[in-house]
Structures are given as C-alpha cells and as structure tokens.
Amino acid sequence: MTWAALDDKFHGHRKLALLGPLRLPCAGLHAIAISWCADHLTDGILPRAVAEFLAGNPKQTTSNLLSTLPGFCLGPAEDPIDLLISELIRVRLWEDNRDGTYTLHNYLKYNRSRRFALQVRKKRAKAGRLGGLATAKHFAKQVATVVLSSPSPSPSPSYSKEETTLRAPQPHAPRTRKTAVPEAAVRTVLDAYHAAFLTATGEKPNITGQDAATAKRLITRHGAEKVLALLAAMYASGDPFIAQSGRTLGVLSSQWNKLVTANGQSPVKRPGRVNDAWRDQPRGEVKL
C-alpha cells in the first residue's frame, strides 16, 4: 500500500481561489485523481477515461451547480467534464499532454515515483523473508537447546553370555494343523439331512453353504458317526422347540447337548465353562 500526499495548506491555495464557483467540484476531482495515481503508480499521469470515471456523473451535478451561479450557462453540446478539466488546466493544477492524458502538476514533488515505490516494496518483501528465516532459526535453536539439556536415557544393562542366551527369544513350537474333514463325510451328512427333511415334511430342503459349514464343524468336533446318530435322534425327538424350529442343521448344532442328554449320554464340556464337579466341591469355612 502506498500513500498519497496532499498539502495541509491545499484548502487555502491561491489556485483554488482562481476557480471561483467551481472550486468544490474541481478540488474534489483533483484530490481523487491524486489518490488514483498513487494507487496505480502512474507518476501523476491521468488518462481522460479515468478522469471521466472519477468525476462520476458531472452532467447532472455540475449542471445543477452552475444553474445556481450567475453568468454560467452550459449549452446543449457542452460537456461538464470538459469544463472541469479546462478549469484545472487553466489554473495549472493539471497539464494537458495532448495525447488523451493529463499530468498532475508537481505530483512527483510531493509523492513517490513508481520506481521508488517498487524498490520499497522489494526491500520490504526481502526483509520479510529474512525475518521469517531468522524466526525459524531462533525457534530451531530453542528446540535444540531443550533437547540437548534434557537428561539422556539410562544405559541398557549389560548381561553375561549365559544371561543373554537365557533372555534370547525361544522359537515357538510349530502349530499343529487341524485334520481336514473329508468332503465325502460332509456329503454323507448333507445327504442324510436331505433324506430326513424330505421324509418329515415332504419337501426338499434348501441346503446352503452355511449348512455345509455347520456340518463340517460338527464332524470336526464330534465325528461323522455321532453327527448322523444325533441327526436321526433330532428328527425322532418330540421336543416342541426342536419341532417348531424346523429341524435344520443349525438347530442340531444349537440343541446338541439337549439331544445328547436325551439319548442318555453326557454332554460335551466346552473350554471356559464352569465344571459342575468343581462347583459341587465343598468350600472351606471362613473362621473369624
């Protein structure tokens, strides 16, 4: 951002006194023109189109002003902006360059030139970059001071060769892979389920991949012979819940212990369950 200079004695300058009744519109246009030239760094050069733009709509404002003044009368072909510019040129506030532009008189005497303003901007930009680098270096130096002043970690304890051998990670025992369930056993269980369902309901069951996975899991856990036996026991059972649930392989898996108990066998103890034998053991008395 640049600043435009306007003399604090401008209000009483002799050139404004020469403008007479057009003093206010001409002084306002001149002050706005100084601001525009400083903003665009034109060294006081003002194009005619810019002057018309800065003047706004002088045809109405200037005409109304002149209509109240004796001795002023604009003809229909006269342009008020020409009157303002001609008056500024007459009192030598502006100079006509004869190429469609005007020069503000003594503009460079009180305002910065384009070259000087650009040099100042360049120096300020460079100073800003150097200031940013200095701030970054100062911050990095503070961080390094904090890091270097912090206590170093305690050294690792030294061990003997025997202790090192004992502390070395021992290799894990190889995992034993589960025996794969033969596809023939799974097919046998699915065929038995198909035949039992068809006999009981008169309809073919909709066997899905989930049924095959359930059969494979039951065979892996209990064996194919026991699965076939419990499948037959499920269809022969009169339990209302099993009958209402549809007698599927999923029901067989969920009601396995119930069917085993109904056939006079002991249910399977799953790991993580509380053992009834442990629960029935007598507890010691607490003496106070």
C-alpha atoms as a PDB file:
ATOM      1  CA  MET A   1       0.000   0.000   0.000  1.00  0.00           C
ATOM      2  CA  THR A   2       1.283   3.487  -0.940  1.00  0.00           C
ATOM      3  CA  TRP A   3       0.186   6.833   0.490  1.00  0.00           C
ATOM      4  CA  ALA A   4      -0.796   9.912  -1.486  1.00  0.00           C
ATOM      5  CA  ALA A   5       0.409  13.268  -0.135  1.00  0.00           C
ATOM      6  CA  LEU A   6      -1.910  16.276  -0.066  1.00  0.00           C
ATOM      7  CA  ASP A   7      -0.627  19.524   1.405  1.00  0.00           C
ATOM      8  CA  ASP A   8      -2.484  20.608   4.533  1.00  0.00           C
ATOM      9  CA  LYS A   9      -2.493  24.146   3.058  1.00  0.00           C
ATOM     10  CA  PHE A  10      -4.322  22.906  -0.039  1.00  0.00           C
ATOM     11  CA  HIS A  11      -7.648  24.328   1.174  1.00  0.00           C
ATOM     12  CA  GLY A  12      -6.237  27.869   1.010  1.00  0.00           C
ATOM     13  CA  HIS A  13      -4.080  27.585  -2.096  1.00  0.00           C
ATOM     14  CA  ARG A  14      -4.246  30.516  -4.470  1.00  0.00           C
ATOM     15  CA  LYS A  15      -5.067  28.225  -7.423  1.00  0.00           C
ATOM     16  CA  LEU A  16      -8.282  27.124  -5.734  1.00  0.00           C
ATOM     17  CA  ALA A  17      -9.243  30.750  -5.283  1.00  0.00           C
ATOM     18  CA  LEU A  18      -8.889  31.222  -9.056  1.00  0.00           C
ATOM     19  CA  LEU A  19     -11.525  28.527  -9.679  1.00  0.00           C
ATOM     20  CA  GLY A  20     -14.291  30.700  -8.313  1.00  0.00           C
ATOM     21  CA  PRO A  21     -17.665  28.937  -8.025  1.00  0.00           C
ATOM     22  CA  LEU A  22     -16.176  25.683  -9.488  1.00  0.00           C
ATOM     23  CA  ARG A  23     -13.756  25.424  -6.593  1.00  0.00           C
ATOM     24  CA  LEU A  24     -15.522  22.494  -4.865  1.00  0.00           C
ATOM     25  CA  PRO A  25     -16.030  20.106  -7.856  1.00  0.00           C
ATOM     26  CA  CYS A  26     -12.582  20.874  -9.289  1.00  0.00           C
ATOM     27  CA  ALA A  27     -10.808  20.424  -5.930  1.00  0.00           C
ATOM     28  CA  GLY A  28     -12.653  17.160  -5.308  1.00  0.00           C
ATOM     29  CA  LEU A  29     -11.745  15.795  -8.741  1.00  0.00           C
ATOM     30  CA  HIS A  30      -8.112  16.832  -8.243  1.00  0.00           C
ATOM     31  CA  ALA A  31      -7.859  15.120  -4.813  1.00  0.00           C
ATOM     32  CA  ILE A  32      -9.405  11.888  -6.119  1.00  0.00           C
ATOM     33  CA  ALA A  33      -7.041  11.965  -9.117  1.00  0.00           C
ATOM     34  CA  ILE A  34      -4.028  12.186  -6.758  1.00  0.00           C
ATOM     35  CA  SER A  35      -5.282   9.124  -4.894  1.00  0.00           C
ATOM     36  CA  TRP A  36      -5.769   7.146  -8.137  1.00  0.00           C
ATOM     37  CA  CYS A  37      -2.287   7.986  -9.447  1.00  0.00           C
ATOM     38  CA  ALA A  38      -0.674   6.924  -6.150  1.00  0.00           C
ATOM     39  CA  ASP A  39      -2.588   3.656  -6.134  1.00  0.00           C
ATOM     40  CA  HIS A  40      -1.679   2.719  -9.724  1.00  0.00           C
ATOM     41  CA  LEU A  41       1.865   4.208  -9.633  1.00  0.00           C
ATOM     42  CA  THR A  42       1.407   6.304 -12.777  1.00  0.00           C
ATOM     43  CA  ASP A  43       3.773   9.130 -11.713  1.00  0.00           C
ATOM     44  CA  GLY A  44       0.903  11.617 -11.895  1.00  0.00           C
ATOM     45  CA  ILE A  45      -0.340  10.617 -15.376  1.00  0.00           C
ATOM     46  CA  LEU A  46      -4.164  10.517 -15.598  1.00  0.00           C
ATOM     47  CA  PRO A  47      -5.962   9.210 -18.717  1.00  0.00           C
ATOM     48  CA  ARG A  48      -9.052  11.030 -19.968  1.00  0.00           C
ATOM     49  CA  ALA A  49     -11.268   7.942 -19.491  1.00  0.00           C
ATOM     50  CA  VAL A  50     -10.167   7.665 -15.857  1.00  0.00           C
ATOM     51  CA  ALA A  51     -10.907  11.337 -15.289  1.00  0.00           C
ATOM     52  CA  GLU A  52     -14.445  10.835 -16.601  1.00  0.00           C
ATOM     53  CA  PHE A  53     -14.851   7.777 -14.371  1.00  0.00           C
ATOM     54  CA  LEU A  54     -13.601   9.617 -11.271  1.00  0.00           C
ATOM     55  CA  ALA A  55     -15.871  12.587 -11.957  1.00  0.00           C
ATOM     56  CA  GLY A  56     -18.904  10.318 -11.739  1.00  0.00           C
ATOM     57  CA  ASN A  57     -21.901  11.969 -13.402  1.00  0.00           C
ATOM     58  CA  PRO A  58     -20.927  15.642 -13.709  1.00  0.00           C
ATOM     59  CA  LYS A  59     -23.615  16.350 -16.271  1.00  0.00           C
ATOM     60  CA  GLN A  60     -26.238  16.415 -13.527  1.00  0.00           C
ATOM     61  CA  THR A  61     -24.245  17.641 -10.512  1.00  0.00           C
ATOM     62  CA  THR A  62     -22.267  20.335 -12.328  1.00  0.00           C
ATOM     63  CA  SER A  63     -25.254  21.489 -14.336  1.00  0.00           C
ATOM     64  CA  ASN A  64     -27.317  21.877 -11.170  1.00  0.00           C
ATOM     65  CA  LEU A  65     -24.445  23.762  -9.518  1.00  0.00           C
ATOM     66  CA  LEU A  66     -23.899  26.072 -12.475  1.00  0.00           C
ATOM     67  CA  SER A  67     -27.600  26.768 -12.799  1.00  0.00           C
ATOM     68  CA  THR A  68     -27.469  28.493  -9.395  1.00  0.00           C
ATOM     69  CA  LEU A  69     -24.495  30.661 -10.330  1.00  0.00           C
ATOM     70  CA  PRO A  70     -24.881  33.906 -12.261  1.00  0.00           C
ATOM     71  CA  GLY A  71     -23.034  34.110 -15.510  1.00  0.00           C
ATOM     72  CA  PHE A  72     -22.727  30.353 -16.132  1.00  0.00           C
ATOM     73  CA  CYS A  73     -24.806  28.612 -18.727  1.00  0.00           C
ATOM     74  CA  LEU A  74     -23.881  25.353 -20.461  1.00  0.00           C
ATOM     75  CA  GLY A  75     -25.010  24.857 -23.967  1.00  0.00           C
ATOM     76  CA  PRO A  76     -26.636  21.610 -25.088  1.00  0.00           C
ATOM     77  CA  ALA A  77     -23.431  20.478 -26.818  1.00  0.00           C
ATOM     78  CA  GLU A  78     -21.098  21.321 -23.945  1.00  0.00           C
ATOM     79  CA  ASP A  79     -19.810  18.553 -21.621  1.00  0.00           C
ATOM     80  CA  PRO A  80     -19.436  19.478 -17.910  1.00  0.00           C
ATOM     81  CA  ILE A  81     -16.349  17.233 -17.560  1.00  0.00           C
ATOM     82  CA  ASP A  82     -14.629  19.366 -20.218  1.00  0.00           C
ATOM     83  CA  LEU A  83     -15.420  22.446 -18.178  1.00  0.00           C
ATOM     84  CA  LEU A  84     -13.891  20.949 -15.006  1.00  0.00           C
ATOM     85  CA  ILE A  85     -10.761  19.764 -16.797  1.00  0.00           C
ATOM     86  CA  SER A  86     -10.317  23.023 -18.650  1.00  0.00           C
ATOM     87  CA  GLU A  87     -10.557  24.951 -15.383  1.00  0.00           C
ATOM     88  CA  LEU A  88      -7.963  22.660 -13.726  1.00  0.00           C
ATOM     89  CA  ILE A  89      -5.667  23.216 -16.711  1.00  0.00           C
ATOM     90  CA  ARG A  90      -6.282  26.970 -16.634  1.00  0.00           C
ATOM     91  CA  VAL A  91      -5.136  27.306 -13.011  1.00  0.00           C
ATOM     92  CA  ARG A  92      -2.246  24.878 -13.714  1.00  0.00           C
ATOM     93  CA  LEU A  93      -3.325  22.121 -11.339  1.00  0.00           C
ATOM     94  CA  TRP A  94      -3.351  19.811 -14.384  1.00  0.00           C
ATOM     95  CA  GLU A  95      -1.280  19.822 -17.558  1.00  0.00           C
ATOM     96  CA  ASP A  96      -2.619  18.630 -20.913  1.00  0.00           C
ATOM     97  CA  ASN A  97      -0.260  16.124 -22.574  1.00  0.00           C
ATOM     98  CA  ARG A  98      -2.071  16.373 -25.949  1.00  0.00           C
ATOM     99  CA  ASP A  99      -2.337  12.566 -26.150  1.00  0.00           C
ATOM    100  CA  GLY A 100      -5.543  11.947 -24.205  1.00  0.00           C
ATOM    101  CA  THR A 101      -3.808  12.080 -20.819  1.00  0.00           C
ATOM    102  CA  TYR A 102      -3.178  14.712 -18.195  1.00  0.00           C
ATOM    103  CA  THR A 103      -0.305  15.266 -15.747  1.00  0.00           C
ATOM    104  CA  LEU A 104      -0.977  16.404 -12.203  1.00  0.00           C
ATOM    105  CA  HIS A 105       1.221  19.469 -11.611  1.00  0.00           C
ATOM    106  CA  ASN A 106       4.162  18.830  -9.211  1.00  0.00           C
ATOM    107  CA  TYR A 107       2.852  15.339  -8.409  1.00  0.00           C
ATOM    108  CA  LEU A 108       6.348  13.813  -8.107  1.00  0.00           C
ATOM    109  CA  LYS A 109       7.458  16.720  -5.913  1.00  0.00           C
ATOM    110  CA  TYR A 110       5.229  15.524  -3.077  1.00  0.00           C
ATOM    111  CA  ASN A 111       4.560  11.831  -3.916  1.00  0.00           C
ATOM    112  CA  ARG A 112       6.677   8.751  -4.514  1.00  0.00           C
ATOM    113  CA  SER A 113       7.655   7.798  -8.018  1.00  0.00           C
ATOM    114  CA  ARG A 114       6.824   4.402  -9.463  1.00  0.00           C
ATOM    115  CA  ARG A 115      10.483   3.324  -9.405  1.00  0.00           C
ATOM    116  CA  PHE A 116      10.966   4.313  -5.761  1.00  0.00           C
ATOM    117  CA  ALA A 117       7.709   2.654  -4.656  1.00  0.00           C
ATOM    118  CA  LEU A 118       8.664  -0.628  -6.346  1.00  0.00           C
ATOM    119  CA  GLN A 119      12.108  -0.539  -4.722  1.00  0.00           C
ATOM    120  CA  VAL A 120      10.497  -0.061  -1.304  1.00  0.00           C
ATOM    121  CA  ARG A 121       8.147  -2.998  -1.921  1.00  0.00           C
ATOM    122  CA  LYS A 122      11.059  -5.188  -2.987  1.00  0.00           C
ATOM    123  CA  LYS A 123      13.114  -4.277   0.086  1.00  0.00           C
ATOM    124  CA  ARG A 124      10.168  -4.915   2.402  1.00  0.00           C
ATOM    125  CA  ALA A 125       9.479  -8.289   0.798  1.00  0.00           C
ATOM    126  CA  LYS A 126      13.142  -9.271   1.195  1.00  0.00           C
ATOM    127  CA  ALA A 127      13.141  -8.096   4.815  1.00  0.00           C
ATOM    128  CA  GLY A 128      10.028 -10.151   5.450  1.00  0.00           C
ATOM    129  CA  ARG A 129      11.677 -13.282   4.059  1.00  0.00           C
ATOM    130  CA  LEU A 130      14.819 -12.689   6.104  1.00  0.00           C
ATOM    131  CA  GLY A 131      12.700 -12.072   9.189  1.00  0.00           C
ATOM    132  CA  GLY A 132      10.869 -15.338   8.629  1.00  0.00           C
ATOM    133  CA  LEU A 133      14.166 -17.212   8.268  1.00  0.00           C
ATOM    134  CA  ALA A 134      15.528 -15.568  11.412  1.00  0.00           C
ATOM    135  CA  THR A 135      12.413 -16.532  13.350  1.00  0.00           C
ATOM    136  CA  ALA A 136      12.662 -20.118  12.122  1.00  0.00           C
ATOM    137  CA  LYS A 137      16.358 -20.329  13.082  1.00  0.00           C
ATOM    138  CA  HIS A 138      15.635 -18.875  16.510  1.00  0.00           C
ATOM    139  CA  PHE A 139      12.856 -21.387  17.090  1.00  0.00           C
ATOM    140  CA  ALA A 140      15.057 -24.276  15.919  1.00  0.00           C
ATOM    141  CA  LYS A 141      17.806 -23.107  18.273  1.00  0.00           C
ATOM    142  CA  GLN A 142      15.393 -23.084  21.215  1.00  0.00           C
ATOM    143  CA  VAL A 143      14.198 -26.590  20.381  1.00  0.00           C
ATOM    144  CA  ALA A 144      17.767 -27.843  20.101  1.00  0.00           C
ATOM    145  CA  THR A 145      18.620 -26.259  23.477  1.00  0.00           C
ATOM    146  CA  VAL A 146      15.686 -28.019  25.140  1.00  0.00           C
ATOM    147  CA  VAL A 147      16.579 -31.355  23.561  1.00  0.00           C
ATOM    148  CA  LEU A 148      20.264 -31.132  24.493  1.00  0.00           C
ATOM    149  CA  SER A 149      19.512 -30.033  28.043  1.00  0.00           C
ATOM    150  CA  SER A 150      17.115 -32.918  28.688  1.00  0.00           C
ATOM    151  CA  PRO A 151      18.622 -35.887  30.601  1.00  0.00           C
ATOM    152  CA  SER A 152      19.851 -38.725  28.474  1.00  0.00           C
ATOM    153  CA  PRO A 153      18.217 -42.120  28.919  1.00  0.00           C
ATOM    154  CA  SER A 154      19.899 -44.573  31.262  1.00  0.00           C
ATOM    155  CA  PRO A 155      22.218 -47.051  29.531  1.00  0.00           C
ATOM    156  CA  SER A 156      20.973 -50.529  28.894  1.00  0.00           C
ATOM    157  CA  PRO A 157      22.141 -53.095  31.457  1.00  0.00           C
ATOM    158  CA  SER A 158      24.899 -55.430  30.364  1.00  0.00           C
ATOM    159  CA  TYR A 159      24.334 -59.173  30.570  1.00  0.00           C
ATOM    160  CA  SER A 160      26.696 -62.082  30.544  1.00  0.00           C
ATOM    161  CA  LYS A 161      26.787 -64.579  27.740  1.00  0.00           C
ATOM    162  CA  GLU A 162      24.703 -67.068  29.744  1.00  0.00           C
ATOM    163  CA  GLU A 163      22.103 -64.436  30.631  1.00  0.00           C
ATOM    164  CA  THR A 164      21.973 -63.314  27.030  1.00  0.00           C
ATOM    165  CA  THR A 165      21.311 -66.871  25.940  1.00  0.00           C
ATOM    166  CA  LEU A 166      18.545 -67.251  28.520  1.00  0.00           C
ATOM    167  CA  ARG A 167      16.978 -63.934  27.545  1.00  0.00           C
ATOM    168  CA  ALA A 168      17.045 -64.708  23.840  1.00  0.00           C
ATOM    169  CA  PRO A 169      13.562 -65.344  22.431  1.00  0.00           C
ATOM    170  CA  GLN A 170      12.835 -69.016  22.207  1.00  0.00           C
ATOM    171  CA  PRO A 171      11.403 -70.385  18.987  1.00  0.00           C
ATOM    172  CA  HIS A 172       7.715 -71.169  19.117  1.00  0.00           C
ATOM    173  CA  ALA A 173       6.565 -74.714  18.762  1.00  0.00           C
ATOM    174  CA  PRO A 174       5.169 -75.419  15.321  1.00  0.00           C
ATOM    175  CA  ARG A 175       1.436 -75.195  15.178  1.00  0.00           C
ATOM    176  CA  THR A 176      -0.401 -78.395  14.525  1.00  0.00           C
ATOM    177  CA  ARG A 177      -2.831 -78.024  11.704  1.00  0.00           C
ATOM    178  CA  LYS A 178      -6.256 -79.493  12.162  1.00  0.00           C
ATOM    179  CA  THR A 179      -7.055 -82.577  10.175  1.00  0.00           C
ATOM    180  CA  ALA A 180      -9.087 -81.644   7.151  1.00  0.00           C
ATOM    181  CA  VAL A 181     -12.592 -83.041   7.102  1.00  0.00           C
ATOM    182  CA  PRO A 182     -13.129 -85.304   4.089  1.00  0.00           C
ATOM    183  CA  GLU A 183     -15.622 -83.927   1.624  1.00  0.00           C
ATOM    184  CA  ALA A 184     -17.213 -87.376   1.465  1.00  0.00           C
ATOM    185  CA  ALA A 185     -18.140 -87.187   5.160  1.00  0.00           C
ATOM    186  CA  VAL A 186     -19.713 -83.763   4.696  1.00  0.00           C
ATOM    187  CA  ARG A 187     -21.617 -85.032   1.654  1.00  0.00           C
ATOM    188  CA  THR A 188     -22.860 -88.057   3.646  1.00  0.00           C
ATOM    189  CA  VAL A 189     -24.224 -85.834   6.439  1.00  0.00           C
ATOM    190  CA  LEU A 190     -25.887 -83.479   3.933  1.00  0.00           C
ATOM    191  CA  ASP A 191     -27.481 -86.414   2.099  1.00  0.00           C
ATOM    192  CA  ALA A 192     -28.805 -87.826   5.379  1.00  0.00           C
ATOM    193  CA  TYR A 193     -30.187 -84.389   6.306  1.00  0.00           C
ATOM    194  CA  HIS A 194     -31.812 -84.115   2.868  1.00  0.00           C
ATOM    195  CA  ALA A 195     -33.456 -87.517   3.170  1.00  0.00           C
ATOM    196  CA  ALA A 196     -34.686 -86.932   6.738  1.00  0.00           C
ATOM    197  CA  PHE A 197     -36.108 -83.482   5.915  1.00  0.00           C
ATOM    198  CA  LEU A 198     -37.855 -84.813   2.785  1.00  0.00           C
ATOM    199  CA  THR A 199     -39.387 -87.712   4.736  1.00  0.00           C
ATOM    200  CA  ALA A 200     -40.582 -85.482   7.589  1.00  0.00           C
ATOM    201  CA  THR A 201     -42.007 -82.566   5.592  1.00  0.00           C
ATOM    202  CA  GLY A 202     -42.497 -83.902   2.057  1.00  0.00           C
ATOM    203  CA  GLU A 203     -40.398 -81.013   0.720  1.00  0.00           C
ATOM    204  CA  LYS A 204     -36.786 -80.715  -0.338  1.00  0.00           C
ATOM    205  CA  PRO A 205     -34.587 -78.643   1.984  1.00  0.00           C
ATOM    206  CA  ASN A 206     -32.774 -75.565   0.742  1.00  0.00           C
ATOM    207  CA  ILE A 207     -29.204 -76.576   1.506  1.00  0.00           C
ATOM    208  CA  THR A 208     -26.806 -73.619   1.503  1.00  0.00           C
ATOM    209  CA  GLY A 209     -23.121 -73.090   2.085  1.00  0.00           C
ATOM    210  CA  GLN A 210     -23.921 -72.278   5.714  1.00  0.00           C
ATOM    211  CA  ASP A 211     -25.378 -75.777   6.139  1.00  0.00           C
ATOM    212  CA  ALA A 212     -22.218 -77.303   4.672  1.00  0.00           C
ATOM    213  CA  ALA A 213     -20.062 -75.227   7.053  1.00  0.00           C
ATOM    214  CA  THR A 214     -22.207 -76.328  10.021  1.00  0.00           C
ATOM    215  CA  ALA A 215     -21.906 -79.977   9.016  1.00  0.00           C
ATOM    216  CA  LYS A 216     -18.141 -79.643   8.639  1.00  0.00           C
ATOM    217  CA  ARG A 217     -17.840 -78.014  12.055  1.00  0.00           C
ATOM    218  CA  LEU A 218     -19.920 -80.732  13.743  1.00  0.00           C
ATOM    219  CA  ILE A 219     -17.928 -83.500  12.061  1.00  0.00           C
ATOM    220  CA  THR A 220     -14.653 -81.885  13.138  1.00  0.00           C
ATOM    221  CA  ARG A 221     -15.832 -81.616  16.737  1.00  0.00           C
ATOM    222  CA  HIS A 222     -17.789 -84.887  17.207  1.00  0.00           C
ATOM    223  CA  GLY A 223     -17.144 -87.185  14.256  1.00  0.00           C
ATOM    224  CA  ALA A 224     -19.351 -88.146  11.322  1.00  0.00           C
ATOM    225  CA  GLU A 225     -20.954 -91.205  13.004  1.00  0.00           C
ATOM    226  CA  LYS A 226     -22.118 -89.235  16.029  1.00  0.00           C
ATOM    227  CA  VAL A 227     -23.454 -86.439  13.834  1.00  0.00           C
ATOM    228  CA  LEU A 228     -25.525 -88.940  11.821  1.00  0.00           C
ATOM    229  CA  ALA A 229     -26.832 -90.531  15.024  1.00  0.00           C
ATOM    230  CA  LEU A 230     -27.829 -87.200  16.572  1.00  0.00           C
ATOM    231  CA  LEU A 231     -29.403 -86.099  13.273  1.00  0.00           C
ATOM    232  CA  ALA A 232     -31.664 -89.140  13.348  1.00  0.00           C
ATOM    233  CA  ALA A 233     -32.397 -88.515  17.050  1.00  0.00           C
ATOM    234  CA  MET A 234     -33.396 -84.911  16.292  1.00  0.00           C
ATOM    235  CA  TYR A 235     -35.987 -85.981  13.733  1.00  0.00           C
ATOM    236  CA  ALA A 236     -37.253 -88.648  16.101  1.00  0.00           C
ATOM    237  CA  SER A 237     -37.432 -86.218  19.037  1.00  0.00           C
ATOM    238  CA  GLY A 238     -40.774 -84.870  20.183  1.00  0.00           C
ATOM    239  CA  ASP A 239     -39.300 -81.735  21.745  1.00  0.00           C
ATOM    240  CA  PRO A 240     -41.643 -78.831  20.886  1.00  0.00           C
ATOM    241  CA  PHE A 241     -38.839 -76.301  20.467  1.00  0.00           C
ATOM    242  CA  ILE A 242     -36.948 -78.531  18.019  1.00  0.00           C
ATOM    243  CA  ALA A 243     -40.132 -79.282  16.108  1.00  0.00           C
ATOM    244  CA  GLN A 244     -41.054 -75.597  15.908  1.00  0.00           C
ATOM    245  CA  SER A 245     -37.539 -74.515  14.864  1.00  0.00           C
ATOM    246  CA  GLY A 246     -37.616 -76.616  11.699  1.00  0.00           C
ATOM    247  CA  ARG A 247     -35.108 -79.404  12.487  1.00  0.00           C
ATOM    248  CA  THR A 248     -32.265 -77.883  10.474  1.00  0.00           C
ATOM    249  CA  LEU A 249     -28.523 -78.385  10.867  1.00  0.00           C
ATOM    250  CA  GLY A 250     -28.358 -75.073  12.732  1.00  0.00           C
ATOM    251  CA  VAL A 251     -30.901 -76.378  15.248  1.00  0.00           C
ATOM    252  CA  LEU A 252     -28.884 -79.590  15.529  1.00  0.00           C
ATOM    253  CA  SER A 253     -25.792 -77.553  16.425  1.00  0.00           C
ATOM    254  CA  SER A 254     -27.593 -75.358  18.980  1.00  0.00           C
ATOM    255  CA  GLN A 255     -29.508 -78.204  20.617  1.00  0.00           C
ATOM    256  CA  TRP A 256     -26.638 -80.711  20.564  1.00  0.00           C
ATOM    257  CA  ASN A 257     -26.259 -81.118  24.327  1.00  0.00           C
ATOM    258  CA  LYS A 258     -30.002 -81.479  24.791  1.00  0.00           C
ATOM    259  CA  LEU A 259     -30.135 -84.307  22.226  1.00  0.00           C
ATOM    260  CA  VAL A 260     -27.074 -85.959  23.754  1.00  0.00           C
ATOM    261  CA  THR A 261     -28.684 -85.866  27.212  1.00  0.00           C
ATOM    262  CA  ALA A 262     -31.969 -87.209  25.831  1.00  0.00           C
ATOM    263  CA  ASN A 263     -30.083 -90.193  24.389  1.00  0.00           C
ATOM    264  CA  GLY A 264     -28.511 -90.971  27.783  1.00  0.00           C
ATOM    265  CA  GLN A 265     -25.055 -89.594  27.003  1.00  0.00           C
ATOM    266  CA  SER A 266     -23.035 -86.966  28.855  1.00  0.00           C
ATOM    267  CA  PRO A 267     -22.943 -83.512  27.218  1.00  0.00           C
ATOM    268  CA  VAL A 268     -19.718 -82.123  25.861  1.00  0.00           C
ATOM    269  CA  LYS A 269     -17.866 -79.750  28.216  1.00  0.00           C
ATOM    270  CA  ARG A 270     -16.671 -76.705  26.286  1.00  0.00           C
ATOM    271  CA  PRO A 271     -13.490 -74.986  27.403  1.00  0.00           C
ATOM    272  CA  GLY A 272     -14.040 -71.955  29.565  1.00  0.00           C
ATOM    273  CA  ARG A 273     -17.244 -73.286  31.150  1.00  0.00           C
ATOM    274  CA  VAL A 274     -17.543 -73.876  34.889  1.00  0.00           C
ATOM    275  CA  ASN A 275     -17.173 -77.534  35.715  1.00  0.00           C
ATOM    276  CA  ASP A 276     -20.085 -78.947  37.688  1.00  0.00           C
ATOM    277  CA  ALA A 277     -17.700 -81.224  39.572  1.00  0.00           C
ATOM    278  CA  TRP A 278     -15.697 -78.211  40.755  1.00  0.00           C
ATOM    279  CA  ARG A 279     -18.896 -76.420  41.678  1.00  0.00           C
ATOM    280  CA  ASP A 280     -20.058 -79.369  43.819  1.00  0.00           C
ATOM    281  CA  GLN A 281     -16.817 -79.483  45.819  1.00  0.00           C
ATOM    282  CA  PRO A 282     -17.207 -78.424  49.450  1.00  0.00           C
ATOM    283  CA  ARG A 283     -15.809 -74.989  50.273  1.00  0.00           C
ATOM    284  CA  GLY A 284     -13.706 -74.278  53.269  1.00  0.00           C
ATOM    285  CA  GLU A 285     -15.234 -72.487  56.236  1.00  0.00           C
ATOM    286  CA  VAL A 286     -14.124 -68.962  56.946  1.00  0.00           C
ATOM    287  CA  LYS A 287     -13.140 -68.505  60.578  1.00  0.00           C
ATOM    288  CA  LEU A 288     -13.420 -65.045  62.061  1.00  0.00           C
END
